[in-house]
């Protein structure tokens, strides 16, 4: 083997090593970029999930408040009806008591 051939082989080996090193560097860079993208996707998904959770809680609270107001309205109407009924019977009760007092007292 001549000196030129040895130099050519060494140069080829050097180039092969540089290509391999560059390939490893590029592979590491691709892996890092993939991890960064995955992390960004996960972060975004977590953020969106949190926003959705907050939105669902807010809607549930609003629905509960609305339902509570409706229930309150129904019971207020029932209370008003009972109150009206009680007031309507108040005259009867007063008359009944007055009759008892008059009857017990004699001729008053």
Foldseek 3Di string as FASTA:
>chain_A
DDPVVVVVVVVVVVVVVVVVVVVVVVVVVVVVVVVVVVVVVVVVVVVVVVVVVVVVVVVVVVVVVVVVVVVVVVVVVVVVVVVVVVVVCPVVVVVVVVVVVCVVVDND
